[in-house]
Amino acid sequence: MPRRAAEPAWRASAQAHLDALAASGDYPHLAAFGTRGLLPGDDDGDDTMFDTGLEWLLTGIEARLSATRAEGRG
């Protein structure tokens, strides 16, 4: 983990920024999944980051396949 990411002030600021993005309504997927566990060194560890990333990826693939099927191309 980068040294700066371990600084409490940086982590609080970064978490507040992520929370604001999720609350803005501009990022519905971020709001749906939540922002906890996205910063390096979060207590949940790398497993949460991997699981979250994988869930985002699979959700995106599913949405794309659904759209393709709805258009009659799949």
N, C-alpha and C. Protein backbone atom coordinates (compact mmCIF):
# COMPACT_ATOMS: atom_id res chain seq x y z
N MET A 1 0.86 -1.17 0.00
CA MET A 1 0.00 0.00 0.00
C MET A 1 0.90 1.23 0.00
N PRO A 2 0.61 2.21 -0.86
CA PRO A 2 1.40 3.44 -0.85
C PRO A 2 1.33 4.10 0.52
N ARG A 3 2.42 4.72 0.93
CA ARG A 3 2.50 5.32 2.26
C ARG A 3 1.39 6.35 2.47
N ARG A 4 1.12 7.16 1.47
CA ARG A 4 0.10 8.20 1.62
C ARG A 4 -1.28 7.59 1.87
N ALA A 5 -1.56 6.47 1.27
CA ALA A 5 -2.86 5.83 1.45
C ALA A 5 -3.07 5.37 2.89
N ALA A 6 -1.99 5.26 3.64
CA ALA A 6 -2.10 4.85 5.04
C ALA A 6 -2.37 6.04 5.95
N GLU A 7 -2.25 7.27 5.45
CA GLU A 7 -2.46 8.46 6.28
C GLU A 7 -3.96 8.64 6.55
N PRO A 8 -4.33 8.76 7.82
CA PRO A 8 -5.75 8.89 8.16
C PRO A 8 -6.46 10.05 7.46
N ALA A 9 -5.81 11.19 7.34
CA ALA A 9 -6.45 12.35 6.69
C ALA A 9 -6.72 12.07 5.22
N TRP A 10 -5.76 11.43 4.54
CA TRP A 10 -5.96 11.10 3.12
C TRP A 10 -7.09 10.09 2.98
N ARG A 11 -7.10 9.08 3.84
CA ARG A 11 -8.13 8.04 3.76
C ARG A 11 -9.51 8.64 4.00
N ALA A 12 -9.62 9.53 4.98
CA ALA A 12 -10.92 10.16 5.26
C ALA A 12 -11.39 11.00 4.08
N SER A 13 -10.47 11.73 3.48
CA SER A 13 -10.80 12.57 2.33
C SER A 13 -11.20 11.71 1.12
N ALA A 14 -10.44 10.66 0.86
CA ALA A 14 -10.74 9.78 -0.27
C ALA A 14 -12.07 9.07 -0.06
N GLN A 15 -12.34 8.63 1.16
CA GLN A 15 -13.61 7.95 1.45
C GLN A 15 -14.78 8.92 1.29
N ALA A 16 -14.61 10.15 1.74
CA ALA A 16 -15.67 11.15 1.58
C ALA A 16 -15.94 11.42 0.10
N HIS A 17 -14.88 11.45 -0.69
CA HIS A 17 -15.04 11.67 -2.14
C HIS A 17 -15.81 10.51 -2.78
N LEU A 18 -15.44 9.29 -2.44
CA LEU A 18 -16.15 8.12 -2.97
C LEU A 18 -17.62 8.12 -2.54
N ASP A 19 -17.86 8.46 -1.28
CA ASP A 19 -19.24 8.50 -0.78
C ASP A 19 -20.05 9.56 -1.52
N ALA A 20 -19.43 10.73 -1.80
CA ALA A 20 -20.12 11.80 -2.53
C ALA A 20 -20.43 11.36 -3.96
N LEU A 21 -19.51 10.67 -4.59
CA LEU A 21 -19.77 10.16 -5.95
C LEU A 21 -20.95 9.19 -5.94
N ALA A 22 -20.97 8.30 -4.97
CA ALA A 22 -22.06 7.33 -4.89
C ALA A 22 -23.40 8.02 -4.62
N ALA A 23 -23.39 9.06 -3.80
CA ALA A 23 -24.62 9.76 -3.45
C ALA A 23 -25.11 10.71 -4.54
N SER A 24 -24.25 11.03 -5.51
CA SER A 24 -24.60 12.01 -6.53
C SER A 24 -25.68 11.54 -7.48
N GLY A 25 -25.84 10.23 -7.60
CA GLY A 25 -26.79 9.70 -8.55
C GLY A 25 -26.20 9.49 -9.94
N ASP A 26 -24.99 9.99 -10.15
CA ASP A 26 -24.32 9.85 -11.44
C ASP A 26 -23.66 8.48 -11.61
N TYR A 27 -23.50 7.75 -10.53
CA TYR A 27 -22.83 6.45 -10.56
C TYR A 27 -23.70 5.42 -9.84
N PRO A 28 -24.79 5.00 -10.46
CA PRO A 28 -25.72 4.10 -9.76
C PRO A 28 -25.10 2.76 -9.38
N HIS A 29 -24.17 2.26 -10.16
CA HIS A 29 -23.55 0.98 -9.82
C HIS A 29 -22.66 1.13 -8.59
N LEU A 30 -21.96 2.25 -8.50
CA LEU A 30 -21.14 2.50 -7.32
C LEU A 30 -22.04 2.60 -6.09
N ALA A 31 -23.17 3.27 -6.24
CA ALA A 31 -24.11 3.40 -5.12
C ALA A 31 -24.67 2.03 -4.73
N ALA A 32 -24.95 1.20 -5.72
CA ALA A 32 -25.52 -0.12 -5.44
C ALA A 32 -24.54 -1.03 -4.71
N PHE A 33 -23.28 -0.97 -5.09
CA PHE A 33 -22.29 -1.85 -4.48
C PHE A 33 -21.70 -1.27 -3.21
N GLY A 34 -21.74 0.04 -3.07
CA GLY A 34 -21.16 0.69 -1.90
C GLY A 34 -19.70 1.03 -2.12
N THR A 35 -19.19 1.85 -1.23
CA THR A 35 -17.82 2.34 -1.41
C THR A 35 -16.85 1.76 -0.39
N ARG A 36 -17.33 1.02 0.56
CA ARG A 36 -16.42 0.43 1.56
C ARG A 36 -15.59 -0.67 0.92
N GLY A 37 -14.33 -0.71 1.30
CA GLY A 37 -13.44 -1.74 0.79
C GLY A 37 -12.75 -1.37 -0.51
N LEU A 38 -12.97 -0.15 -1.01
CA LEU A 38 -12.37 0.24 -2.29
C LEU A 38 -10.99 0.87 -2.14
N LEU A 39 -10.67 1.36 -0.97
CA LEU A 39 -9.38 2.01 -0.77
C LEU A 39 -8.31 0.99 -0.40
N PRO A 40 -7.08 1.22 -0.86
CA PRO A 40 -6.00 0.29 -0.50
C PRO A 40 -5.87 0.20 1.02
N GLY A 41 -5.74 -1.01 1.52
CA GLY A 41 -5.51 -1.21 2.93
C GLY A 41 -6.76 -1.24 3.78
N ASP A 42 -7.94 -1.21 3.17
CA ASP A 42 -9.16 -1.33 3.97
C ASP A 42 -9.12 -2.63 4.75
N ASP A 43 -9.77 -2.63 5.89
CA ASP A 43 -9.72 -3.80 6.77
C ASP A 43 -10.18 -5.09 6.10
N ASP A 44 -11.08 -4.96 5.13
CA ASP A 44 -11.58 -6.15 4.46
C ASP A 44 -10.51 -6.82 3.60
N GLY A 45 -9.49 -6.08 3.24
CA GLY A 45 -8.37 -6.64 2.51
C GLY A 45 -8.60 -6.80 1.03
N ASP A 46 -7.65 -7.43 0.39
CA ASP A 46 -7.67 -7.60 -1.05
C ASP A 46 -8.80 -8.49 -1.54
N ASP A 47 -9.25 -9.41 -0.72
CA ASP A 47 -10.35 -10.29 -1.15
C ASP A 47 -11.60 -9.50 -1.47
N THR A 48 -11.90 -8.50 -0.66
CA THR A 48 -13.08 -7.67 -0.90
C THR A 48 -12.91 -6.88 -2.19
N MET A 49 -11.73 -6.32 -2.39
CA MET A 49 -11.49 -5.56 -3.62
C MET A 49 -11.63 -6.47 -4.84
N PHE A 50 -11.08 -7.67 -4.77
CA PHE A 50 -11.19 -8.61 -5.88
C PHE A 50 -12.64 -8.99 -6.11
N ASP A 51 -13.33 -9.35 -5.03
CA ASP A 51 -14.73 -9.77 -5.16
C ASP A 51 -15.60 -8.64 -5.73
N THR A 52 -15.37 -7.43 -5.27
CA THR A 52 -16.14 -6.28 -5.77
C THR A 52 -15.85 -6.05 -7.25
N GLY A 53 -14.59 -6.08 -7.61
CA GLY A 53 -14.22 -5.89 -9.02
C GLY A 53 -14.79 -6.97 -9.90
N LEU A 54 -14.74 -8.20 -9.45
CA LEU A 54 -15.29 -9.32 -10.22
C LEU A 54 -16.80 -9.16 -10.36
N GLU A 55 -17.47 -8.76 -9.28
CA GLU A 55 -18.92 -8.57 -9.35
C GLU A 55 -19.27 -7.46 -10.35
N TRP A 56 -18.51 -6.36 -10.35
CA TRP A 56 -18.74 -5.28 -11.32
C TRP A 56 -18.56 -5.80 -12.74
N LEU A 57 -17.49 -6.54 -12.96
CA LEU A 57 -17.20 -7.07 -14.29
C LEU A 57 -18.31 -7.99 -14.77
N LEU A 58 -18.71 -8.92 -13.92
CA LEU A 58 -19.75 -9.86 -14.32
C LEU A 58 -21.10 -9.17 -14.52
N THR A 59 -21.39 -8.17 -13.71
CA THR A 59 -22.63 -7.41 -13.88
C THR A 59 -22.63 -6.69 -15.22
N GLY A 60 -21.49 -6.13 -15.59
CA GLY A 60 -21.37 -5.46 -16.88
C GLY A 60 -21.53 -6.41 -18.04
N ILE A 61 -20.94 -7.59 -17.93
CA ILE A 61 -21.08 -8.59 -19.00
C ILE A 61 -22.53 -9.03 -19.11
N GLU A 62 -23.17 -9.25 -17.96
CA GLU A 62 -24.57 -9.66 -17.98
C GLU A 62 -25.45 -8.58 -18.62
N ALA A 63 -25.21 -7.32 -18.30
CA ALA A 63 -26.00 -6.23 -18.88
C ALA A 63 -25.79 -6.15 -20.38
N ARG A 64 -24.56 -6.33 -20.82
CA ARG A 64 -24.27 -6.28 -22.25
C ARG A 64 -24.94 -7.45 -22.99
N LEU A 65 -24.87 -8.63 -22.42
CA LEU A 65 -25.52 -9.79 -23.05
C LEU A 65 -27.03 -9.62 -23.09
N SER A 66 -27.59 -9.10 -22.02
CA SER A 66 -29.05 -8.86 -22.00
C SER A 66 -29.45 -7.86 -23.06
N ALA A 67 -28.66 -6.80 -23.22
CA ALA A 67 -28.97 -5.79 -24.24
C ALA A 67 -28.85 -6.38 -25.64
N THR A 68 -27.84 -7.22 -25.86
CA THR A 68 -27.65 -7.85 -27.15
C THR A 68 -28.83 -8.78 -27.48
N ARG A 69 -29.26 -9.54 -26.48
CA ARG A 69 -30.41 -10.44 -26.68
C ARG A 69 -31.68 -9.65 -26.96
N ALA A 70 -31.87 -8.55 -26.26
CA ALA A 70 -33.06 -7.72 -26.45
C ALA A 70 -33.09 -7.11 -27.85
N GLU A 71 -31.93 -6.87 -28.42
CA GLU A 71 -31.84 -6.32 -29.77
C GLU A 71 -31.98 -7.42 -30.82
N GLY A 72 -32.06 -8.67 -30.39
CA GLY A 72 -32.23 -9.78 -31.29
C GLY A 72 -30.96 -10.24 -31.96
N ARG A 73 -29.82 -9.88 -31.37
CA ARG A 73 -28.54 -10.28 -31.97
C ARG A 73 -27.91 -11.47 -31.24
N GLY A 74 -28.55 -12.00 -30.25
CA GLY A 74 -27.90 -13.03 -29.49
C GLY A 74 -28.67 -14.21 -29.25
